[in-house]
């Protein structure tokens, strides 16, 4: 057998025999990501603020909600499609914006391509590792995320750049109070990728050869630049430079958010809502959508899981604004529970990062497929022909599940 024939016919079969890239659940993707990523990279993904109370509750709250299955008479097909921020999507799932990604060299571009292939809208963080032009080109349903950082002129420039690149909506993230302590220790983010940094991290990288191989193939190591903050002359600031400007900016008021909204001609989401009264303030500021969120448990520890707060937010403003939620989505049944409690859709973060770490674009597609199958099978079990038929009556909700409205 010739060498070329061996490579094309035998090697793929051997690879599939010893490493099937497909994973059947987000939990399996997480376990594989842990084995593939350097310890500090994986730790940056899984960690929550302080003791991780909010992060843990994001998951536990879904487990407290039970479903009411039916036995017969289920419809033969299910409709999962919906629309969020003017964008038709194939299922009620959005890609949540996440910051600098060191899990795979293709980063947000791979995620955007995967989302486009599965009919899902993409959220790109202004702290992302890829420029908005590349991401929007990979997925025309891209929302650009911003923090209230820097002066107004700099924010207007970032917005104008995103709009010129083709971003179809803006996400303004407010759920962050610069909490970076973790009781189990936070992995340090290096200032640069110079020789000293590489030497320091060499032992943990050496035991993760598959991760290293991807970066060697790409011809570069993980970067710490923030391309969406590039200056007029093309200089890309480092992560800490951009982060420092953010930390040094006085927190936004609702008047500031109203001004920002007036400067963006298109769908406008406020992310980080955790109270009904603040949901009303977002409506008053002119937002077209809100995300009920505690920043994945990375903000103020002790805040309740978003799914607990969701019902009172929907009751307060659900007829005036689109309500989505993020935090703790690991299964299709979680998506169904959120929609049943009034969410238009959910946003996922850690789940797709694990898929990206395991198998790049295909891994993200895998995660989205797992969620789609889970949504479909849960709808079948509930006897629903569409996600739009769901309501709280399809759930068993324990007493005191949600905090009292005050």
Protein backbone atom coordinates (compact mmCIF):
# COMPACT_ATOMS: atom_id res chain seq x y z
CA UNK A 1 0.00 0.00 0.00
CA UNK A 2 1.37 3.38 -0.98
CA UNK A 3 1.98 6.00 1.70
CA UNK A 4 -0.55 8.42 0.25
CA UNK A 5 -3.24 5.73 0.15
CA UNK A 6 -2.41 4.80 3.75
CA UNK A 7 -2.89 8.43 4.80
CA UNK A 8 -6.22 8.82 3.03
CA UNK A 9 -7.76 5.39 3.66
CA UNK A 10 -6.30 4.03 6.88
CA UNK A 11 -5.36 7.01 9.05
CA UNK A 12 -8.93 8.42 9.23
CA UNK A 13 -10.26 5.02 10.29
CA UNK A 14 -7.60 4.65 12.96
CA UNK A 15 -8.33 8.17 14.20
CA UNK A 16 -12.06 7.47 14.43
CA UNK A 17 -11.39 4.15 16.14
CA UNK A 18 -9.31 5.70 18.90
CA UNK A 19 -10.82 9.17 19.04
CA UNK A 20 -14.39 9.71 17.97
CA UNK A 21 -14.72 13.50 17.97
CA UNK A 22 -18.49 13.32 18.49
CA UNK A 23 -19.74 13.80 22.05
CA UNK A 24 -23.27 13.04 23.13
CA UNK A 25 -23.73 15.67 25.83
CA UNK A 26 -22.34 18.96 27.05
CA UNK A 27 -21.12 17.15 30.17
CA UNK A 28 -18.95 14.88 28.02
CA UNK A 29 -17.66 17.92 26.13
CA UNK A 30 -16.65 19.48 29.44
CA UNK A 31 -14.78 16.36 30.55
CA UNK A 32 -12.92 16.19 27.23
CA UNK A 33 -12.12 19.89 27.35
CA UNK A 34 -10.61 19.47 30.82
CA UNK A 35 -8.32 16.75 29.48
CA UNK A 36 -7.33 18.82 26.43
CA UNK A 37 -6.81 22.31 27.84
CA UNK A 38 -3.92 23.52 30.01
CA UNK A 39 -4.98 23.77 33.63
CA UNK A 40 -5.00 27.58 33.75
CA UNK A 41 -7.02 27.90 30.52
CA UNK A 42 -9.62 25.42 31.74
CA UNK A 43 -9.69 27.10 35.15
CA UNK A 44 -10.45 30.47 33.58
CA UNK A 45 -13.55 28.98 31.95
CA UNK A 46 -15.04 27.09 34.87
CA UNK A 47 -14.39 29.53 37.70
CA UNK A 48 -16.99 31.72 39.38
CA UNK A 49 -16.69 34.68 41.70
CA UNK A 50 -15.70 34.11 45.34
CA UNK A 51 -17.08 30.74 46.56
CA UNK A 52 -19.05 30.08 43.38
CA UNK A 53 -22.46 30.16 45.08
CA UNK A 54 -24.14 31.88 42.15
CA UNK A 55 -22.36 29.72 39.59
CA UNK A 56 -23.51 26.56 41.36
CA UNK A 57 -27.06 27.86 41.71
CA UNK A 58 -27.20 28.52 37.97
CA UNK A 59 -27.07 24.75 37.52
CA UNK A 60 -28.94 23.63 40.63
CA UNK A 61 -31.97 25.80 39.92
CA UNK A 62 -32.71 23.97 36.67
CA UNK A 63 -32.60 20.65 38.52
CA UNK A 64 -35.29 21.90 40.89
CA UNK A 65 -37.70 22.44 38.01
CA UNK A 66 -39.51 19.30 36.88
CA UNK A 67 -41.51 18.72 33.69
CA UNK A 68 -45.02 17.33 33.20
CA UNK A 69 -44.79 14.63 30.50
CA UNK A 70 -47.72 13.26 28.52
CA UNK A 71 -48.18 9.64 27.53
CA UNK A 72 -49.84 9.66 24.11
CA UNK A 73 -51.10 12.01 21.45
CA UNK A 74 -47.82 13.81 20.84
CA UNK A 75 -47.50 15.67 17.52
CA UNK A 76 -45.38 14.05 14.83
CA UNK A 77 -43.17 17.14 14.37
CA UNK A 78 -41.88 20.00 16.46
CA UNK A 79 -41.19 23.63 15.51
CA UNK A 80 -38.15 25.05 17.27
CA UNK A 81 -37.73 28.27 15.30
CA UNK A 82 -38.16 31.75 16.75
CA UNK A 83 -36.93 35.31 16.31
CA UNK A 84 -34.74 37.43 18.59
CA UNK A 85 -33.66 41.03 18.01
CA UNK A 86 -35.04 40.93 14.49
CA UNK A 87 -33.11 37.78 13.56
CA UNK A 88 -34.85 34.51 12.68
CA UNK A 89 -33.09 31.61 14.39
CA UNK A 90 -33.61 27.89 14.06
CA UNK A 91 -34.01 27.30 17.79
CA UNK A 92 -34.21 29.47 20.92
CA UNK A 93 -30.44 29.49 21.49
CA UNK A 94 -27.94 32.33 20.98
CA UNK A 95 -24.16 32.41 21.30
CA UNK A 96 -23.33 34.55 24.31
CA UNK A 97 -20.32 36.87 23.96
CA UNK A 98 -17.28 35.67 25.90
CA UNK A 99 -13.92 37.36 26.32
CA UNK A 100 -10.43 36.51 25.09
CA UNK A 101 -10.50 32.89 23.96
CA UNK A 102 -7.39 30.76 24.35
CA UNK A 103 -9.16 27.44 23.85
CA UNK A 104 -8.65 27.23 20.07
CA UNK A 105 -6.72 29.33 17.53
CA UNK A 106 -9.79 29.87 15.32
CA UNK A 107 -11.63 31.40 18.29
CA UNK A 108 -14.79 33.37 17.61
CA UNK A 109 -14.54 32.87 13.84
CA UNK A 110 -14.98 29.12 14.31
CA UNK A 111 -17.87 29.76 16.70
CA UNK A 112 -19.50 32.16 14.24
CA UNK A 113 -19.23 29.65 11.41
CA UNK A 114 -20.69 26.91 13.56
CA UNK A 115 -23.57 29.12 14.64
CA UNK A 116 -24.27 30.12 11.03
CA UNK A 117 -24.24 26.47 9.97
CA UNK A 118 -26.87 25.70 12.58
CA UNK A 119 -29.00 28.83 12.05
CA UNK A 120 -28.05 30.49 15.32
CA UNK A 121 -27.12 34.15 15.96
CA UNK A 122 -23.64 35.01 17.22
CA UNK A 123 -22.65 37.32 20.07
CA UNK A 124 -19.12 38.75 19.85
CA UNK A 125 -17.46 40.26 22.90
CA UNK A 126 -15.63 43.56 22.49
CA UNK A 127 -12.89 41.74 24.46
CA UNK A 128 -12.90 38.92 21.91
CA UNK A 129 -9.78 37.55 20.27
CA UNK A 130 -10.98 38.10 16.69
CA UNK A 131 -11.96 41.38 14.99
CA UNK A 132 -15.62 42.09 14.41
CA UNK A 133 -15.08 42.24 10.64
CA UNK A 134 -13.97 38.60 10.49
CA UNK A 135 -16.72 37.38 12.79
CA UNK A 136 -19.53 39.25 11.05
CA UNK A 137 -18.27 37.95 7.71
CA UNK A 138 -18.49 34.40 9.08
CA UNK A 139 -22.00 34.92 10.48
CA UNK A 140 -24.21 37.75 9.17
CA UNK A 141 -26.35 37.37 12.30
CA UNK A 142 -23.72 38.85 14.61
CA UNK A 143 -24.51 40.98 17.64
CA UNK A 144 -21.64 43.12 18.95
CA UNK A 145 -21.24 43.31 22.72
CA UNK A 146 -19.91 46.38 24.55
CA UNK A 147 -19.11 47.39 28.08
CA UNK A 148 -19.47 50.93 29.34
CA UNK A 149 -15.74 51.54 28.98
CA UNK A 150 -13.72 54.59 28.02
CA UNK A 151 -15.08 57.97 27.00
CA UNK A 152 -18.14 58.46 24.82
CA UNK A 153 -16.11 59.15 21.70
CA UNK A 154 -14.30 55.82 22.00
CA UNK A 155 -17.58 53.99 22.51
CA UNK A 156 -19.09 55.68 19.46
CA UNK A 157 -16.08 54.59 17.40
CA UNK A 158 -16.47 50.96 18.49
CA UNK A 159 -20.17 51.08 17.68
CA UNK A 160 -19.53 52.65 14.28
CA UNK A 161 -16.93 50.03 13.47
CA UNK A 162 -19.30 47.22 14.45
CA UNK A 163 -22.09 48.70 12.35
CA UNK A 164 -19.78 49.11 9.35
CA UNK A 165 -18.69 45.50 9.74
CA UNK A 166 -22.30 44.35 9.52
CA UNK A 167 -23.28 43.78 13.14
CA UNK A 168 -27.08 43.57 13.30
CA UNK A 169 -27.53 44.36 16.99
CA UNK A 170 -25.79 45.69 20.08
CA UNK A 171 -25.48 43.97 23.46
CA UNK A 172 -24.53 46.22 26.38
CA UNK A 173 -23.28 44.15 29.31
CA UNK A 174 -23.80 45.70 32.74
CA UNK A 175 -23.47 42.67 35.07
CA UNK A 176 -19.85 43.05 36.08
CA UNK A 177 -18.37 44.58 39.23
CA UNK A 178 -14.71 43.61 38.67
CA UNK A 179 -14.87 40.69 41.09
CA UNK A 180 -11.90 38.46 40.30
CA UNK A 181 -11.36 36.55 43.54
CA UNK A 182 -12.09 32.85 43.79
CA UNK A 183 -11.87 30.86 46.96
CA UNK A 184 -10.10 28.05 45.09
CA UNK A 185 -7.71 30.43 43.33
CA UNK A 186 -7.88 32.31 40.08
CA UNK A 187 -5.55 31.47 37.21
CA UNK A 188 -3.39 34.48 36.53
CA UNK A 189 -3.80 36.11 33.12
CA UNK A 190 -0.29 36.94 31.87
CA UNK A 191 0.59 40.45 30.75
CA UNK A 192 2.15 39.09 27.55
CA UNK A 193 3.28 35.87 25.90
CA UNK A 194 6.99 36.55 26.20
CA UNK A 195 9.72 33.99 27.02
CA UNK A 196 9.23 34.21 30.80
CA UNK A 197 5.49 33.60 30.51
CA UNK A 198 6.00 30.67 28.15
CA UNK A 199 8.60 29.14 30.47
CA UNK A 200 6.29 29.50 33.46
CA UNK A 201 3.39 27.77 31.71
CA UNK A 202 5.51 25.20 29.87
CA UNK A 203 4.88 22.32 32.33
CA UNK A 204 1.09 22.52 32.05
CA UNK A 205 1.24 22.96 28.28
CA UNK A 206 3.61 20.01 27.87
CA UNK A 207 0.99 17.61 29.19
CA UNK A 208 -1.62 18.97 26.77
CA UNK A 209 0.03 18.23 23.40
CA UNK A 210 -3.20 18.25 21.37
CA UNK A 211 -3.98 21.81 22.46
CA UNK A 212 -0.42 22.89 21.70
CA UNK A 213 -0.50 21.19 18.30
CA UNK A 214 -3.48 23.29 17.20
CA UNK A 215 -1.61 26.50 17.99
CA UNK A 216 1.59 25.28 16.35
CA UNK A 217 -0.41 24.47 13.20
CA UNK A 218 -1.89 27.96 13.31
CA UNK A 219 1.60 29.44 13.48
CA UNK A 220 1.16 31.49 16.64
CA UNK A 221 0.45 31.26 20.36
CA UNK A 222 -2.67 32.62 22.10
CA UNK A 223 -2.68 36.40 21.91
CA UNK A 224 -3.77 38.87 24.52
CA UNK A 225 -4.69 41.67 22.16
CA UNK A 226 -8.23 43.05 21.95
CA UNK A 227 -8.71 43.78 18.23
CA UNK A 228 -12.10 45.43 18.59
CA UNK A 229 -10.39 48.18 20.62
CA UNK A 230 -7.93 48.94 17.81
CA UNK A 231 -7.03 52.61 17.46
CA UNK A 232 -7.43 54.68 14.30
CA UNK A 233 -3.83 53.92 13.31
CA UNK A 234 -4.39 50.17 13.69
CA UNK A 235 -2.68 49.59 17.03
CA UNK A 236 -4.33 46.76 18.99
CA UNK A 237 -4.29 47.31 22.77
CA UNK A 238 -3.47 44.50 25.12
CA UNK A 239 -6.09 42.90 27.34
CA UNK A 240 -4.94 44.70 30.47
CA UNK A 241 -4.81 48.05 28.71
CA UNK A 242 -8.43 47.70 27.59
CA UNK A 243 -9.47 46.19 30.92
CA UNK A 244 -7.84 49.05 32.82
CA UNK A 245 -9.73 51.61 30.77
CA UNK A 246 -12.94 49.75 31.59
CA UNK A 247 -12.17 49.60 35.30
CA UNK A 248 -11.34 53.32 35.31
CA UNK A 249 -14.63 54.34 33.72
CA UNK A 250 -17.35 55.48 36.17
CA UNK A 251 -20.27 53.02 36.11
CA UNK A 252 -23.04 53.77 33.65
CA UNK A 253 -26.27 55.40 34.76
CA UNK A 254 -29.60 54.68 33.11
CA UNK A 255 -29.28 58.05 31.43
CA UNK A 256 -25.99 56.85 29.97
CA UNK A 257 -27.68 53.71 28.67
CA UNK A 258 -30.47 55.82 27.14
CA UNK A 259 -27.82 57.93 25.39
CA UNK A 260 -26.01 54.84 24.10
CA UNK A 261 -29.28 53.43 22.85
CA UNK A 262 -30.03 56.70 21.01
CA UNK A 263 -26.73 56.36 19.16
CA UNK A 264 -27.42 52.83 17.90
CA UNK A 265 -29.92 52.46 15.09
CA UNK A 266 -31.00 48.87 15.54
CA UNK A 267 -31.84 46.16 18.08
CA UNK A 268 -30.33 46.94 21.49
CA UNK A 269 -30.01 44.48 24.38
CA UNK A 270 -29.16 45.25 27.99
CA UNK A 271 -27.48 42.20 29.51
CA UNK A 272 -27.26 41.64 33.25
CA UNK A 273 -30.80 42.25 34.50
CA UNK A 274 -31.54 40.54 37.82
CA UNK A 275 -34.52 42.50 39.15
CA UNK A 276 -37.94 43.43 37.87
CA UNK A 277 -37.50 47.11 38.70
CA UNK A 278 -34.30 47.28 36.65
CA UNK A 279 -36.03 45.51 33.78
CA UNK A 280 -38.51 48.40 33.77
CA UNK A 281 -35.62 50.88 33.72
CA UNK A 282 -34.20 49.11 30.66
CA UNK A 283 -37.56 49.47 28.93
CA UNK A 284 -37.62 53.17 29.81
CA UNK A 285 -34.10 53.55 28.40
CA UNK A 286 -35.34 52.28 25.05
CA UNK A 287 -33.85 48.78 25.02
CA UNK A 288 -35.50 46.32 22.66
CA UNK A 289 -34.28 43.24 24.58
CA UNK A 290 -32.86 42.29 27.95
CA UNK A 291 -30.97 39.28 29.18
CA UNK A 292 -31.64 38.07 32.71
CA UNK A 293 -28.12 37.18 33.81
CA UNK A 294 -25.59 37.04 36.63
CA UNK A 295 -22.62 36.86 34.23
CA UNK A 296 -22.35 33.11 34.56
CA UNK A 297 -21.78 33.42 38.31
CA UNK A 298 -18.74 35.63 37.68
CA UNK A 299 -20.19 38.85 39.06
CA UNK A 300 -21.63 39.31 42.56
CA UNK A 301 -21.54 35.97 44.35
CA UNK A 302 -24.77 35.14 46.14
CA UNK A 303 -27.01 36.50 43.40
CA UNK A 304 -29.79 34.03 42.52
CA UNK A 305 -29.73 31.98 39.34
CA UNK A 306 -31.27 33.88 36.43
CA UNK A 307 -33.91 31.19 35.92
CA UNK A 308 -35.22 31.98 39.42
CA UNK A 309 -35.61 35.68 38.60
CA UNK A 310 -36.93 35.15 35.09
CA UNK A 311 -40.66 34.73 35.97
CA UNK A 312 -40.93 38.05 37.82
CA UNK A 313 -39.03 39.89 35.09
CA UNK A 314 -41.33 38.44 32.42
CA UNK A 315 -44.38 39.37 34.49
CA UNK A 316 -43.09 42.93 34.80
CA UNK A 317 -42.00 43.67 31.21
CA UNK A 318 -42.57 40.61 29.04
CA UNK A 319 -45.28 42.32 27.03
CA UNK A 320 -43.03 45.34 26.29
CA UNK A 321 -39.62 43.89 25.49
CA UNK A 322 -37.94 40.67 24.41
CA UNK A 323 -36.64 38.73 27.40
CA UNK A 324 -33.81 36.21 27.09
CA UNK A 325 -31.72 34.66 29.83
CA UNK A 326 -28.26 33.18 30.23
CA UNK A 327 -26.57 31.14 32.90
CA UNK A 328 -26.48 27.40 33.54
CA UNK A 329 -27.73 26.05 30.19
CA UNK A 330 -26.31 22.56 29.74
CA UNK A 331 -29.17 20.58 28.17
CA UNK A 332 -32.01 21.03 25.75
CA UNK A 333 -34.44 20.52 28.62
CA UNK A 334 -32.90 23.59 30.30
CA UNK A 335 -33.78 25.62 27.22
CA UNK A 336 -37.34 24.32 27.31
CA UNK A 337 -37.70 25.22 30.98
CA UNK A 338 -36.50 28.77 30.34
CA UNK A 339 -38.88 29.22 27.42
CA UNK A 340 -41.74 27.78 29.48
CA UNK A 341 -41.08 30.49 32.08
CA UNK A 342 -41.27 33.22 29.47
CA UNK A 343 -37.84 33.57 27.87
CA UNK A 344 -37.77 34.20 24.13
CA UNK A 345 -34.44 32.35 23.96
CA UNK A 346 -31.34 31.55 26.00
CA UNK A 347 -27.67 32.39 25.53
CA UNK A 348 -24.91 29.82 26.05
CA UNK A 349 -21.30 30.46 27.02
CA UNK A 350 -19.26 27.75 28.73
CA UNK A 351 -21.05 25.00 26.78
CA UNK A 352 -19.82 26.16 23.38
CA UNK A 353 -16.33 26.97 24.70
CA UNK A 354 -15.96 23.33 25.73
CA UNK A 355 -17.09 22.23 22.28
CA UNK A 356 -14.63 24.64 20.68
CA UNK A 357 -11.81 23.29 22.83
CA UNK A 358 -12.55 19.68 21.92
CA UNK A 359 -13.04 19.96 18.17
CA UNK A 360 -13.03 23.55 16.90
CA UNK A 361 -15.94 24.56 14.70
CA UNK A 362 -17.25 21.01 14.54
CA UNK A 363 -17.24 20.85 18.33
CA UNK A 364 -19.42 23.97 18.58
CA UNK A 365 -21.77 22.50 15.98
CA UNK A 366 -21.84 19.34 18.10
CA UNK A 367 -22.93 21.33 21.17
CA UNK A 368 -25.66 23.06 19.20
CA UNK A 369 -26.84 19.70 17.83
CA UNK A 370 -26.96 18.23 21.33
CA UNK A 371 -29.08 21.14 22.53
CA UNK A 372 -31.36 20.93 19.49
CA UNK A 373 -31.98 17.22 20.04
CA UNK A 374 -32.64 17.84 23.71
CA UNK A 375 -35.14 20.60 22.97
CA UNK A 376 -36.89 18.42 20.41
CA UNK A 377 -37.12 15.35 22.64
CA UNK A 378 -38.36 17.41 25.60
CA UNK A 379 -41.07 18.99 23.45
CA UNK A 380 -42.06 15.51 22.28
CA UNK A 381 -42.31 14.28 25.85
CA UNK A 382 -44.44 17.28 26.79
CA UNK A 383 -46.74 16.78 23.81
CA UNK A 384 -45.90 20.13 22.25
CA UNK A 385 -45.68 20.84 18.54
CA UNK A 386 -43.84 24.13 19.00
CA UNK A 387 -41.74 25.97 21.54
CA UNK A 388 -44.36 28.72 21.33
CA UNK A 389 -46.89 26.40 23.01
CA UNK A 390 -44.86 26.13 26.21
CA UNK A 391 -46.01 27.70 29.47
CA UNK A 392 -45.33 27.43 33.18
CA UNK A 393 -48.11 24.82 33.33
CA UNK A 394 -45.69 22.40 31.69
CA UNK A 395 -43.43 22.56 34.74
CA UNK A 396 -43.57 21.51 38.37
CA UNK A 397 -42.25 24.56 40.17
CA UNK A 398 -41.37 24.13 43.86
CA UNK A 399 -42.49 26.61 46.46
CA UNK A 400 -40.00 29.42 47.05
CA UNK A 401 -38.27 28.68 43.78
CA UNK A 402 -38.18 32.39 42.93
CA UNK A 403 -37.13 35.15 45.35
CA UNK A 404 -40.02 37.32 46.55
CA UNK A 405 -40.75 40.39 44.46
CA UNK A 406 -40.02 43.58 46.41
